[in-house]
Amino acid sequence: MAPVVMQRIIDISPLVDPSIHVWPGDTPYVHTVNLDMRKGSNITLSDIRTTVHVGAHTDAPNHYLADGDDIAARRLDLYIGPCNVVTVHRCRGRRVIPEDLEMSGVTTPRVLLRTASFPDPRKWNNDFASLSPELVDALHARGVVLIGIDTPSVDPFDSKTLEAHQAFGRHDMAVLEGVVLDEAEDGVYELIALPLRLRGADASPVRAVLRARSGQ
């Protein structure tokens, strides 16, 4: 019998609890326990209230396109499959441009960018890195269907026109925001970041993980 090869799974989702920051003005995370076995109930039962953009999450097209699909209508194959993790240096406070990446190193249909510009989801900073529409266009031309980033948004904090989101919309690409890449070295992995099937929702939280290839 062939030996069983265990593949390492790297969780790239931040812990979601009341201390996690959400976009200023959006709905914070609140967890309410309605029945509690520790207080004599026969079961424990709770509910949560929060923005659908909490923690690691994927935007739906209707978040930035008036006639865009909701998250329930998105193709699941966008969010699962081979993925490059790529570090981008010295990008805090600006948009990442094509010249910041070694494009020949992008070999998979999904790319996650480590910018280290939003180091703590519990300590908000406005000057996180974002994406240029030119970068989205360039990666789309290489066959990329999903781009993720370790910041709250692919556009700058003060952007109102959301040029990067609009580029995603033009190409029908998937957006993955708020991932934590501290434990993932640059390389090729399998990404699994499936959204919930939420009718009408403009985003969904995901439990995003990377599955390392044999030998990693």
Protein backbone atom coordinates (compact mmCIF):
# COMPACT_ATOMS: atom_id res chain seq x y z
CA MET A 1 0.00 0.00 0.00
CA ALA A 2 1.34 3.43 -0.94
CA PRO A 3 2.12 5.73 2.00
CA VAL A 4 -0.43 8.45 2.76
CA VAL A 5 1.00 11.90 1.97
CA MET A 6 -0.35 14.56 4.31
CA GLN A 7 -0.71 17.99 2.71
CA ARG A 8 -0.12 21.03 4.88
CA ILE A 9 -3.10 23.39 5.16
CA ILE A 10 -2.40 27.06 5.88
CA ASP A 11 -5.29 29.09 7.26
CA ILE A 12 -5.16 32.57 5.71
CA SER A 13 -8.32 33.86 7.40
CA PRO A 14 -8.16 36.26 10.34
CA LEU A 15 -10.01 35.30 13.51
CA VAL A 16 -13.44 36.96 13.51
CA ASP A 17 -14.52 38.22 16.93
CA PRO A 18 -15.75 41.56 18.34
CA SER A 19 -12.23 43.02 18.23
CA ILE A 20 -11.81 42.70 14.45
CA HIS A 21 -12.05 45.98 12.58
CA VAL A 22 -14.53 46.41 9.76
CA TRP A 23 -14.58 49.26 7.26
CA PRO A 24 -15.30 52.49 9.17
CA GLY A 25 -19.06 53.01 9.26
CA ASP A 26 -19.88 49.40 8.35
CA THR A 27 -21.63 46.97 10.72
CA PRO A 28 -19.27 45.58 13.38
CA TYR A 29 -19.23 41.94 14.43
CA VAL A 30 -21.60 41.13 17.30
CA HIS A 31 -22.16 37.60 18.61
CA THR A 32 -25.21 37.08 20.82
CA VAL A 33 -25.78 33.90 22.84
CA ASN A 34 -29.55 33.32 23.08
CA LEU A 35 -29.48 29.97 24.89
CA ASP A 36 -26.52 28.77 26.96
CA MET A 37 -25.99 25.27 28.35
CA ARG A 38 -23.68 26.75 30.99
CA LYS A 39 -26.70 28.67 32.29
CA GLY A 40 -29.10 25.72 32.33
CA SER A 41 -30.42 25.59 28.77
CA ASN A 42 -30.63 22.22 27.03
CA ILE A 43 -28.60 23.54 24.07
CA THR A 44 -26.43 26.51 23.21
CA LEU A 45 -27.86 28.74 20.48
CA SER A 46 -26.50 32.03 19.17
CA ASP A 47 -26.69 34.50 16.33
CA ILE A 48 -24.32 36.97 14.73
CA ARG A 49 -24.77 40.41 13.17
CA THR A 50 -22.04 41.86 10.99
CA THR A 51 -21.16 43.18 7.57
CA VAL A 52 -20.75 40.56 4.85
CA HIS A 53 -17.33 42.17 4.26
CA VAL A 54 -15.95 40.98 7.60
CA GLY A 55 -12.51 39.35 7.79
CA ALA A 56 -11.41 37.37 4.74
CA HIS A 57 -14.18 37.91 2.22
CA THR A 58 -14.97 37.97 -1.46
CA ASP A 59 -16.91 40.77 -3.13
CA ALA A 60 -19.78 40.10 -5.50
CA PRO A 61 -20.15 42.16 -8.70
CA ASN A 62 -23.27 43.86 -7.29
CA HIS A 63 -20.99 45.52 -4.72
CA TYR A 64 -19.55 47.76 -7.46
CA LEU A 65 -21.75 47.23 -10.54
CA ALA A 66 -25.39 48.34 -10.49
CA ASP A 67 -26.45 45.35 -12.60
CA GLY A 68 -23.89 42.89 -11.20
CA ASP A 69 -24.60 39.39 -9.92
CA ASP A 70 -25.04 38.68 -6.22
CA ILE A 71 -22.62 36.39 -4.42
CA ALA A 72 -24.98 33.40 -4.69
CA ALA A 73 -24.70 33.54 -8.49
CA ARG A 74 -20.89 33.41 -8.63
CA ARG A 75 -19.11 30.43 -10.21
CA LEU A 76 -17.44 28.40 -7.47
CA ASP A 77 -14.52 27.39 -9.69
CA LEU A 78 -13.20 30.95 -9.37
CA TYR A 79 -12.44 30.38 -5.69
CA ILE A 80 -10.76 26.98 -5.71
CA GLY A 81 -7.65 25.84 -7.55
CA PRO A 82 -3.97 26.60 -8.21
CA CYS A 83 -2.75 29.90 -6.77
CA ASN A 84 0.47 31.94 -6.62
CA VAL A 85 1.42 33.79 -3.43
CA VAL A 86 3.56 36.78 -4.42
CA THR A 87 5.23 39.37 -2.18
CA VAL A 88 5.11 43.01 -3.27
CA HIS A 89 7.70 45.28 -1.65
CA ARG A 90 7.49 48.97 -0.65
CA CYS A 91 3.85 49.43 -1.67
CA ARG A 92 2.26 50.82 1.49
CA GLY A 93 0.08 53.83 0.78
CA ARG A 94 -0.08 53.34 -3.00
CA ARG A 95 -1.54 51.20 -5.73
CA VAL A 96 0.42 48.16 -6.88
CA ILE A 97 1.32 48.49 -10.58
CA PRO A 98 2.40 45.84 -13.11
CA GLU A 99 6.06 46.84 -12.76
CA ASP A 100 5.95 45.79 -9.08
CA LEU A 101 5.46 42.14 -10.07
CA GLU A 102 7.62 39.72 -11.96
CA MET A 103 4.87 38.75 -14.37
CA SER A 104 6.72 35.70 -15.64
CA GLY A 105 6.39 34.28 -12.13
CA VAL A 106 2.59 34.33 -12.34
CA THR A 107 1.88 30.78 -13.45
CA THR A 108 -1.60 30.08 -12.06
CA PRO A 109 -5.13 31.49 -12.57
CA ARG A 110 -5.23 32.88 -9.02
CA VAL A 111 -2.84 35.32 -7.36
CA LEU A 112 -2.61 36.44 -3.73
CA LEU A 113 -0.51 39.53 -3.06
CA ARG A 114 1.36 39.92 0.21
CA THR A 115 1.88 43.64 0.81
CA ALA A 116 2.36 43.66 4.62
CA SER A 117 0.62 47.06 4.55
CA PHE A 118 -2.29 46.15 6.85
CA PRO A 119 -0.42 44.15 9.49
CA ASP A 120 -3.13 43.81 12.14
CA PRO A 121 -6.88 43.41 11.40
CA ARG A 122 -7.48 44.70 14.95
CA LYS A 123 -5.57 47.97 14.42
CA TRP A 124 -6.95 49.91 11.50
CA ASN A 125 -4.66 51.93 9.22
CA ASN A 126 -5.83 53.93 6.20
CA ASP A 127 -2.58 53.74 4.21
CA PHE A 128 -2.83 50.12 3.11
CA ALA A 129 -1.73 49.08 -0.37
CA SER A 130 -4.28 48.66 -3.13
CA LEU A 131 -4.35 47.63 -6.79
CA SER A 132 -4.07 49.68 -9.94
CA PRO A 133 -6.58 48.93 -12.71
CA GLU A 134 -3.56 48.43 -14.98
CA LEU A 135 -2.40 45.56 -12.78
CA VAL A 136 -5.85 43.95 -12.89
CA ASP A 137 -5.84 44.29 -16.68
CA ALA A 138 -2.34 42.83 -16.96
CA LEU A 139 -3.11 39.83 -14.77
CA HIS A 140 -6.35 39.20 -16.63
CA ALA A 141 -4.34 39.13 -19.86
CA ARG A 142 -2.25 36.34 -18.31
CA GLY A 143 -5.36 34.26 -17.62
CA VAL A 144 -5.80 35.20 -13.95
CA VAL A 145 -9.42 34.85 -12.73
CA LEU A 146 -8.97 35.81 -9.04
CA ILE A 147 -6.74 38.34 -7.28
CA GLY A 148 -6.50 38.47 -3.51
CA ILE A 149 -4.77 40.92 -1.21
CA ASP A 150 -3.90 41.17 2.49
CA THR A 151 -5.74 44.48 2.93
CA PRO A 152 -9.39 45.49 3.44
CA SER A 153 -9.87 46.61 -0.17
CA VAL A 154 -8.37 46.43 -3.64
CA ASP A 155 -8.94 50.21 -3.88
CA PRO A 156 -7.44 52.94 -1.67
CA PHE A 157 -9.25 53.93 1.52
CA ASP A 158 -10.41 57.29 0.14
CA SER A 159 -11.35 56.11 -3.36
CA LYS A 160 -14.90 56.90 -4.46
CA THR A 161 -14.67 55.78 -8.08
CA LEU A 162 -13.21 52.34 -7.22
CA GLU A 163 -11.10 52.01 -10.36
CA ALA A 164 -9.69 48.60 -9.40
CA HIS A 165 -13.13 47.19 -8.54
CA GLN A 166 -14.38 48.48 -11.90
CA ALA A 167 -11.53 46.66 -13.66
CA PHE A 168 -12.54 43.44 -11.90
CA GLY A 169 -16.06 44.05 -13.13
CA ARG A 170 -15.00 44.56 -16.75
CA HIS A 171 -13.21 41.21 -16.74
CA ASP A 172 -15.66 39.31 -14.50
CA MET A 173 -12.80 38.43 -12.15
CA ALA A 174 -13.09 37.45 -8.50
CA VAL A 175 -11.94 39.68 -5.62
CA LEU A 176 -10.56 38.27 -2.37
CA GLU A 177 -9.80 40.79 0.38
CA GLY A 178 -8.61 40.66 3.97
CA VAL A 179 -6.51 37.50 3.82
CA VAL A 180 -3.56 36.95 6.19
CA LEU A 181 -0.45 35.65 4.45
CA ASP A 182 2.07 35.71 7.32
CA GLU A 183 2.49 31.91 7.30
CA ALA A 184 2.53 31.40 3.53
CA GLU A 185 5.84 31.71 1.72
CA ASP A 186 5.87 32.79 -1.90
CA GLY A 187 5.06 29.86 -4.14
CA VAL A 188 2.29 27.78 -5.68
CA TYR A 189 -0.57 26.38 -3.59
CA GLU A 190 -4.16 25.28 -3.96
CA LEU A 191 -6.54 28.02 -2.84
CA ILE A 192 -9.89 27.15 -1.26
CA ALA A 193 -12.01 30.21 -0.42
CA LEU A 194 -15.64 29.39 -1.15
CA PRO A 195 -18.29 32.05 -0.50
CA LEU A 196 -21.56 31.33 1.24
CA ARG A 197 -24.62 31.08 -0.99
CA LEU A 198 -26.25 34.29 0.23
CA ARG A 199 -29.03 35.47 -2.06
CA GLY A 200 -28.82 39.18 -2.79
CA ALA A 201 -25.61 39.67 -0.82
CA ASP A 202 -22.84 41.92 -2.14
CA ALA A 203 -20.08 39.83 -0.51
CA SER A 204 -19.49 36.80 1.67
CA PRO A 205 -17.03 35.96 4.42
CA VAL A 206 -14.87 32.96 3.52
CA ARG A 207 -12.68 30.51 5.43
CA ALA A 208 -9.75 30.93 3.08
CA VAL A 209 -7.02 28.29 3.17
CA LEU A 210 -4.00 27.35 1.11
CA ARG A 211 -3.14 23.70 0.61
CA ALA A 212 0.58 23.22 0.10
CA ARG A 213 1.85 20.95 -2.61
CA SER A 214 3.90 17.90 -1.70
CA GLY A 215 7.34 18.94 -0.51
CA GLN A 216 6.33 22.43 0.63
